[in-house]
Amino acid sequence: MKNDSEAIRFDMAVKTIEPSIRKILESISDYDKSTVCEVRLRSEKPIVLNTLKGIRFLDYYGILTENITEDTVICSLHQVRETFNRLCCYSVHSHISGIVKGYITTEGGHRAGICGTAVCDNSGNITSIKDVSGINLRISRQIKGCADRIISELYAEKLQSIIIAGPPSSGKTTVLRDAVRQLSSDEYFYKVALVDERQEIASVNSGIPQNDIGVNCDILDGYPKKEAMMIALKTMSPDIIALDEVGEETEIEAIRLAVNSGVRFIVTVHAADYNELLHRPQIKKLIETYSFSKVVMLKKEPVGEVAQIYDTKELRDEIIRRSHNLDIFDPAELKSVVSA
């Protein structure tokens, strides 16, 4: 049954792809569909599928292979451009706010990354994209229970602010979605304000979330994060504000101000490993706000699995040590680390 539902979700995700390619994608087995995380279309290159088992190539018979063969499907420039137009519903202008940021979010919360040639104004700001040459369609999946360890270990006794970190495709958004679902339902019923700027967490369609994000969750769909935080504080009286992919200086400053109102946060950030936690400026600034209690580091795979949980006080101490060129501190010595 799980494979069947994942296959249906896959078919919904690829329905915007150029028809001749979509037909081949729809012909692959339900099991293979359930393992696909990304479908990559590049002009005049083989179609590449990123799966739970690694990189696979698509052949004309709907078979996924580990190597390129004479039957491997090659994506033409026309097929890339047609897919882009279909993603935009043939109206680039109506999707321009997302396109200039490099993505289009489709129904169901699936996100298509767009590669092409940037069109910039005199100030260097991207105003559009032309000559689209590549598309990466990320399949959005809801994995209920993937945040179980985080909820049981970090929220059993108190409400606190946490950072969820991990490398690309480690499941940060998936874990955030499940954490929101659990904290706004069941035994907690916290008031959660979900800032869904890229419209891929709740996957709201005509005002109705397509993903289960709990019963006590208010969704700010498509709002820029900074403005959404202020609106939530003024109008929704949240216990928790949930944010995906925090990084801009204005967002971090808004978090710093919001914490003074007593609200807690769950945010996600990109970090490949322990060293990136300590060296990426945006993450250091979040840690140094003294707003967050824990940092949850996810493994590269499987999706959503926790590698370690760090206490932010220990991370701040290590940041200070390194800034003063003191002895490099072994992360294994962190007393408050909860090992996987």
Protein backbone atom coordinates (compact mmCIF):
# COMPACT_ATOMS: atom_id res chain seq x y z
CA MET A 1 0.00 0.00 0.00
CA LYS A 2 2.85 2.38 0.81
CA ASN A 3 4.42 1.86 -2.61
CA ASP A 4 1.03 2.46 -4.23
CA SER A 5 0.55 5.82 -2.49
CA GLU A 6 4.13 6.89 -3.21
CA ALA A 7 3.66 5.91 -6.86
CA ILE A 8 0.53 8.06 -7.07
CA ARG A 9 2.45 10.97 -5.56
CA PHE A 10 5.23 10.44 -8.10
CA ASP A 11 2.76 10.45 -10.99
CA MET A 12 1.23 13.70 -9.71
CA ALA A 13 4.69 15.26 -9.45
CA VAL A 14 5.72 14.42 -13.02
CA LYS A 15 2.46 15.42 -14.69
CA THR A 16 3.96 18.82 -15.58
CA ILE A 17 6.85 17.21 -17.49
CA GLU A 18 6.78 17.22 -21.30
CA PRO A 19 4.29 14.46 -22.34
CA SER A 20 6.62 12.05 -24.17
CA ILE A 21 9.02 11.95 -21.20
CA ARG A 22 6.17 11.85 -18.69
CA LYS A 23 4.72 8.79 -20.40
CA ILE A 24 8.00 6.89 -19.93
CA LEU A 25 8.30 8.03 -16.31
CA GLU A 26 4.77 6.85 -15.59
CA SER A 27 5.66 3.40 -16.97
CA ILE A 28 8.35 2.61 -14.39
CA SER A 29 7.43 0.20 -11.60
CA ASP A 30 5.57 1.39 -8.51
CA TYR A 31 8.49 0.27 -6.37
CA ASP A 32 10.97 2.34 -8.37
CA LYS A 33 8.62 5.32 -8.26
CA SER A 34 8.60 5.09 -4.45
CA THR A 35 12.40 5.44 -4.35
CA VAL A 36 12.78 8.48 -6.64
CA CYS A 37 13.68 11.74 -4.89
CA GLU A 38 14.58 13.89 -7.92
CA VAL A 39 14.08 13.87 -11.68
CA ARG A 40 16.76 15.87 -13.50
CA LEU A 41 16.23 17.10 -17.05
CA ARG A 42 19.22 18.66 -18.83
CA SER A 43 19.34 19.83 -22.42
CA GLU A 44 20.77 17.12 -24.73
CA LYS A 45 21.81 14.98 -21.74
CA PRO A 46 20.53 11.69 -20.26
CA ILE A 47 17.64 11.97 -17.81
CA VAL A 48 19.02 11.36 -14.32
CA LEU A 49 16.94 10.12 -11.38
CA ASN A 50 18.24 10.54 -7.86
CA THR A 51 16.84 7.59 -5.88
CA LEU A 52 17.15 6.16 -2.39
CA LYS A 53 19.57 3.64 -3.95
CA GLY A 54 21.69 6.23 -5.74
CA ILE A 55 21.85 7.72 -9.23
CA ARG A 56 19.84 5.94 -11.92
CA PHE A 57 19.27 6.54 -15.64
CA LEU A 58 15.94 6.12 -17.42
CA ASP A 59 15.63 3.98 -20.53
CA TYR A 60 12.86 4.02 -23.14
CA TYR A 61 11.23 0.92 -21.59
CA GLY A 62 10.74 2.54 -18.18
CA ILE A 63 13.65 0.65 -16.62
CA LEU A 64 16.07 2.37 -14.23
CA THR A 65 19.70 1.48 -14.89
CA GLU A 66 22.99 2.21 -13.16
CA ASN A 67 24.80 2.91 -16.43
CA ILE A 68 24.12 4.81 -19.63
CA THR A 69 23.15 2.50 -22.51
CA GLU A 70 21.98 2.90 -26.08
CA ASP A 71 18.40 2.84 -24.71
CA THR A 72 18.96 5.67 -22.22
CA VAL A 73 16.50 8.54 -22.70
CA ILE A 74 18.17 11.76 -23.84
CA CYS A 75 16.31 14.95 -23.00
CA SER A 76 16.17 17.51 -25.82
CA LEU A 77 16.29 21.27 -25.44
CA HIS A 78 12.71 21.42 -26.70
CA GLN A 79 11.58 19.00 -23.97
CA VAL A 80 13.30 21.07 -21.27
CA ARG A 81 11.67 24.28 -22.55
CA GLU A 82 8.25 22.62 -22.89
CA THR A 83 8.52 21.32 -19.32
CA PHE A 84 9.41 24.81 -18.11
CA ASN A 85 6.37 26.28 -19.90
CA ARG A 86 4.12 23.61 -18.43
CA LEU A 87 5.50 24.26 -14.94
CA CYS A 88 4.59 27.93 -15.43
CA CYS A 89 1.16 27.03 -16.87
CA TYR A 90 2.44 28.93 -19.94
CA SER A 91 2.55 32.16 -17.89
CA VAL A 92 6.11 33.00 -16.89
CA HIS A 93 5.07 36.37 -15.53
CA SER A 94 2.72 34.87 -12.92
CA HIS A 95 5.55 32.72 -11.55
CA ILE A 96 8.35 35.26 -11.84
CA SER A 97 8.80 35.77 -8.07
CA GLY A 98 9.82 32.14 -7.69
CA ILE A 99 11.67 31.87 -10.99
CA VAL A 100 14.11 34.65 -10.08
CA LYS A 101 14.91 32.68 -6.92
CA GLY A 102 15.57 29.61 -9.05
CA TYR A 103 12.47 27.47 -8.50
CA ILE A 104 8.80 26.86 -9.22
CA THR A 105 6.59 25.05 -6.70
CA THR A 106 3.89 22.86 -8.20
CA GLU A 107 0.65 21.44 -6.85
CA GLY A 108 1.44 18.95 -4.11
CA GLY A 109 4.48 20.87 -2.88
CA HIS A 110 6.91 19.48 -5.45
CA ARG A 111 9.68 21.95 -6.28
CA ALA A 112 11.34 22.38 -9.66
CA GLY A 113 14.76 24.02 -9.63
CA ILE A 114 15.42 26.04 -12.78
CA CYS A 115 18.79 26.55 -14.52
CA GLY A 116 19.27 29.06 -17.31
CA THR A 117 20.74 32.46 -18.09
CA ALA A 118 20.00 35.20 -15.58
CA VAL A 119 18.59 38.54 -16.74
CA CYS A 120 19.72 41.32 -14.38
CA ASP A 121 18.90 45.00 -13.96
CA ASN A 122 21.47 47.79 -13.59
CA SER A 123 21.82 47.04 -9.89
CA GLY A 124 22.65 43.40 -10.49
CA ASN A 125 19.30 42.08 -9.27
CA ILE A 126 17.89 39.09 -11.16
CA THR A 127 14.67 40.11 -12.90
CA SER A 128 14.07 37.01 -15.03
CA ILE A 129 15.66 33.88 -16.51
CA LYS A 130 16.07 33.12 -20.20
CA ASP A 131 17.42 30.20 -22.24
CA VAL A 132 16.32 27.60 -19.67
CA SER A 133 18.64 24.60 -19.99
CA GLY A 134 17.95 22.39 -16.97
CA ILE A 135 15.23 21.45 -14.49
CA ASN A 136 15.50 19.48 -11.27
CA LEU A 137 12.11 18.25 -10.05
CA ARG A 138 12.24 17.33 -6.36
CA ILE A 139 9.51 14.91 -5.26
CA SER A 140 7.87 16.08 -2.05
CA ARG A 141 7.00 13.20 0.28
CA GLN A 142 5.33 13.14 3.68
CA ILE A 143 6.97 10.63 6.00
CA LYS A 144 4.90 10.47 9.17
CA GLY A 145 6.96 9.55 12.20
CA CYS A 146 10.32 10.72 10.86
CA ALA A 147 10.47 13.37 13.62
CA ASP A 148 9.64 10.89 16.41
CA ARG A 149 13.09 10.94 17.99
CA ILE A 150 13.28 14.73 17.93
CA ILE A 151 9.86 15.14 19.51
CA SER A 152 10.33 12.45 22.17
CA GLU A 153 13.80 13.60 23.24
CA LEU A 154 13.48 17.37 22.96
CA TYR A 155 9.83 18.15 23.69
CA ALA A 156 8.81 15.57 26.28
CA GLU A 157 9.43 17.95 29.19
CA LYS A 158 9.40 21.48 27.77
CA LEU A 159 8.87 23.64 24.72
CA GLN A 160 12.15 24.88 23.26
CA SER A 161 13.70 26.31 20.09
CA ILE A 162 15.75 24.02 17.86
CA ILE A 163 17.72 24.12 14.62
CA ILE A 164 17.45 21.21 12.19
CA ALA A 165 20.60 21.01 10.05
CA GLY A 166 21.73 18.67 7.32
CA PRO A 167 23.25 18.35 3.85
CA PRO A 168 21.13 18.65 0.68
CA SER A 169 18.47 15.91 0.31
CA SER A 170 18.85 14.80 3.94
CA GLY A 171 15.16 15.43 4.61
CA LYS A 172 15.19 18.73 6.51
CA THR A 173 11.87 19.90 5.09
CA THR A 174 10.32 16.45 5.55
CA VAL A 175 11.38 16.34 9.21
CA LEU A 176 10.18 19.90 9.80
CA ARG A 177 6.78 19.02 8.34
CA ASP A 178 6.42 16.01 10.63
CA ALA A 179 7.59 17.96 13.70
CA VAL A 180 4.93 20.60 12.99
CA ARG A 181 2.30 17.89 12.58
CA GLN A 182 3.15 16.26 15.88
CA LEU A 183 3.52 19.43 17.95
CA SER A 184 0.21 20.87 16.72
CA SER A 185 -1.68 17.62 17.37
CA ASP A 186 -1.96 14.62 19.67
CA GLU A 187 -0.75 15.22 23.22
CA TYR A 188 0.75 18.68 22.62
CA PHE A 189 -1.71 20.88 20.69
CA TYR A 190 0.74 23.78 20.62
CA LYS A 191 -0.27 26.75 18.50
CA VAL A 192 2.11 26.53 15.53
CA ALA A 193 2.58 29.21 12.88
CA LEU A 194 4.05 27.57 9.78
CA VAL A 195 5.82 29.95 7.42
CA ASP A 196 5.63 28.15 4.07
CA GLU A 197 7.39 30.66 1.81
CA ARG A 198 8.09 28.14 -0.97
CA GLN A 199 4.67 26.51 -0.61
CA GLU A 200 6.09 23.00 -0.28
CA ILE A 201 5.59 22.13 3.41
CA ALA A 202 1.81 22.23 3.75
CA SER A 203 1.23 22.22 -0.04
CA VAL A 204 -1.84 24.44 0.16
CA ASN A 205 -4.18 24.16 -2.84
CA SER A 206 -7.21 26.47 -3.00
CA GLY A 207 -6.86 27.13 0.72
CA ILE A 208 -6.66 23.45 1.72
CA PRO A 209 -3.33 21.92 2.84
CA GLN A 210 -2.58 18.74 0.89
CA ASN A 211 -0.16 17.52 3.57
CA ASP A 212 -1.10 16.73 7.16
CA ILE A 213 0.39 19.51 9.31
CA GLY A 214 -1.77 18.95 12.40
CA VAL A 215 -4.96 20.45 13.78
CA ASN A 216 -3.61 23.53 15.59
CA CYS A 217 -1.38 24.95 12.85
CA ASP A 218 -1.81 28.28 11.06
CA ILE A 219 -0.18 28.45 7.61
CA LEU A 220 1.32 31.61 6.13
CA ASP A 221 1.53 30.39 2.56
CA GLY A 222 3.92 32.13 0.16
CA TYR A 223 4.82 34.93 2.60
CA PRO A 224 8.45 36.11 2.82
CA LYS A 225 9.82 34.80 6.11
CA LYS A 226 10.57 38.13 7.78
CA GLU A 227 7.11 39.59 7.08
CA ALA A 228 5.41 36.31 7.99
CA MET A 229 7.08 36.22 11.42
CA MET A 230 5.85 39.73 12.23
CA ILE A 231 2.32 38.93 11.04
CA ALA A 232 2.23 35.71 13.08
CA LEU A 233 3.35 37.51 16.22
CA LYS A 234 0.78 40.28 15.81
CA THR A 235 -2.22 38.20 14.80
CA MET A 236 -1.83 34.50 15.65
CA SER A 237 -0.25 34.41 19.16
CA PRO A 238 1.81 31.31 18.31
CA ASP A 239 3.67 29.08 20.76
CA ILE A 240 6.02 28.02 17.95
CA ILE A 241 7.00 29.50 14.59
CA ALA A 242 8.35 26.99 12.04
CA LEU A 243 10.63 28.18 9.23
CA ASP A 244 12.38 26.31 6.42
CA GLU A 245 15.82 27.22 5.02
CA VAL A 246 16.70 30.23 7.16
CA GLY A 247 19.78 32.12 5.99
CA GLU A 248 19.26 35.79 5.23
CA GLU A 249 20.42 38.42 7.69
CA THR A 250 16.96 40.01 7.87
CA GLU A 251 15.41 36.65 8.81
CA ILE A 252 17.92 36.06 11.60
CA GLU A 253 17.34 39.56 12.96
CA ALA A 254 13.56 39.00 12.88
CA ILE A 255 14.05 35.78 14.88
CA ARG A 256 16.17 37.66 17.40
CA LEU A 257 13.39 40.22 17.89
CA ALA A 258 10.60 37.64 17.98
CA VAL A 259 12.27 35.60 20.72
CA ASN A 260 11.78 38.56 23.06
CA SER A 261 8.04 37.98 22.69
CA GLY A 262 8.35 34.52 24.21
CA VAL A 263 7.74 32.50 21.04
CA ARG A 264 9.81 29.41 20.25
CA PHE A 265 11.21 28.43 16.86
CA ILE A 266 11.92 25.37 14.75
CA VAL A 267 14.12 26.27 11.78
CA THR A 268 16.09 24.37 9.16
CA VAL A 269 19.51 25.27 7.74
CA HIS A 270 21.98 23.75 5.28
CA ALA A 271 25.09 22.22 6.88
CA ALA A 272 27.02 19.25 5.51
CA ASP A 273 28.73 18.35 8.78
CA TYR A 274 29.84 19.47 12.24
CA ASN A 275 32.46 21.88 10.91
CA GLU A 276 29.91 23.69 8.77
CA LEU A 277 27.76 24.20 11.85
CA LEU A 278 30.64 26.15 13.35
CA HIS A 279 31.84 28.01 10.26
CA ARG A 280 28.79 29.01 8.20
CA PRO A 281 28.12 32.66 9.15
CA GLN A 282 24.32 32.36 9.12
CA ILE A 283 24.32 29.32 11.42
CA LYS A 284 26.83 30.93 13.78
CA LYS A 285 24.58 33.97 14.04
CA LEU A 286 21.57 31.78 14.86
CA ILE A 287 23.53 29.93 17.54
CA GLU A 288 24.86 33.21 18.93
CA THR A 289 21.35 34.65 19.36
CA TYR A 290 21.05 32.49 22.52
CA SER A 291 17.55 31.68 21.26
CA PHE A 292 18.08 28.01 20.42
CA SER A 293 18.68 25.16 22.84
CA LYS A 294 19.62 22.31 20.49
CA VAL A 295 20.91 21.66 17.00
CA VAL A 296 19.74 18.43 15.35
CA MET A 297 22.18 17.17 12.70
CA LEU A 298 20.67 14.84 10.10
CA LYS A 299 22.50 12.12 8.23
CA LYS A 300 22.91 12.32 4.47
CA GLU A 301 20.79 9.17 4.23
CA PRO A 302 18.38 7.65 4.88
CA VAL A 303 16.06 10.64 4.65
CA GLY A 304 15.34 12.28 7.99
CA GLU A 305 17.57 10.11 10.20
CA VAL A 306 19.26 11.92 13.10
CA ALA A 307 23.05 11.75 13.29
CA GLN A 308 23.57 13.75 16.50
CA ILE A 309 21.90 16.30 18.73
CA TYR A 310 24.12 19.11 19.99
CA ASP A 311 23.64 21.53 22.87
CA THR A 312 24.07 25.07 21.52
CA LYS A 313 25.99 26.21 24.60
CA GLU A 314 28.71 23.71 23.78
CA LEU A 315 28.69 24.83 20.15
CA ARG A 316 29.07 28.48 21.19
CA ASP A 317 32.03 27.54 23.39
CA GLU A 318 33.64 25.75 20.47
CA ILE A 319 33.06 28.73 18.16
CA ILE A 320 34.88 30.92 20.69
CA ARG A 321 37.74 28.43 20.99
CA ARG A 322 38.22 28.34 17.23
CA SER A 323 37.96 32.12 16.86
CA HIS A 324 40.86 32.44 19.30
CA ASN A 325 42.88 29.73 17.52
CA LEU A 326 42.82 27.50 20.56
CA ASP A 327 43.14 23.73 20.41
CA ILE A 328 40.61 22.20 18.04
CA PHE A 329 37.86 20.67 20.10
CA ASP A 330 36.82 17.13 19.32
CA PRO A 331 33.03 17.07 18.76
CA ALA A 332 33.00 13.58 20.31
CA GLU A 333 33.87 15.25 23.61
CA LEU A 334 30.71 17.31 23.68
CA LYS A 335 29.17 16.22 26.97
CA SER A 336 25.66 17.07 25.89
CA VAL A 337 25.72 15.34 22.54
CA VAL A 338 23.12 12.65 22.14
CA SER A 339 24.71 10.11 19.82
CA ALA A 340 22.67 8.22 17.31
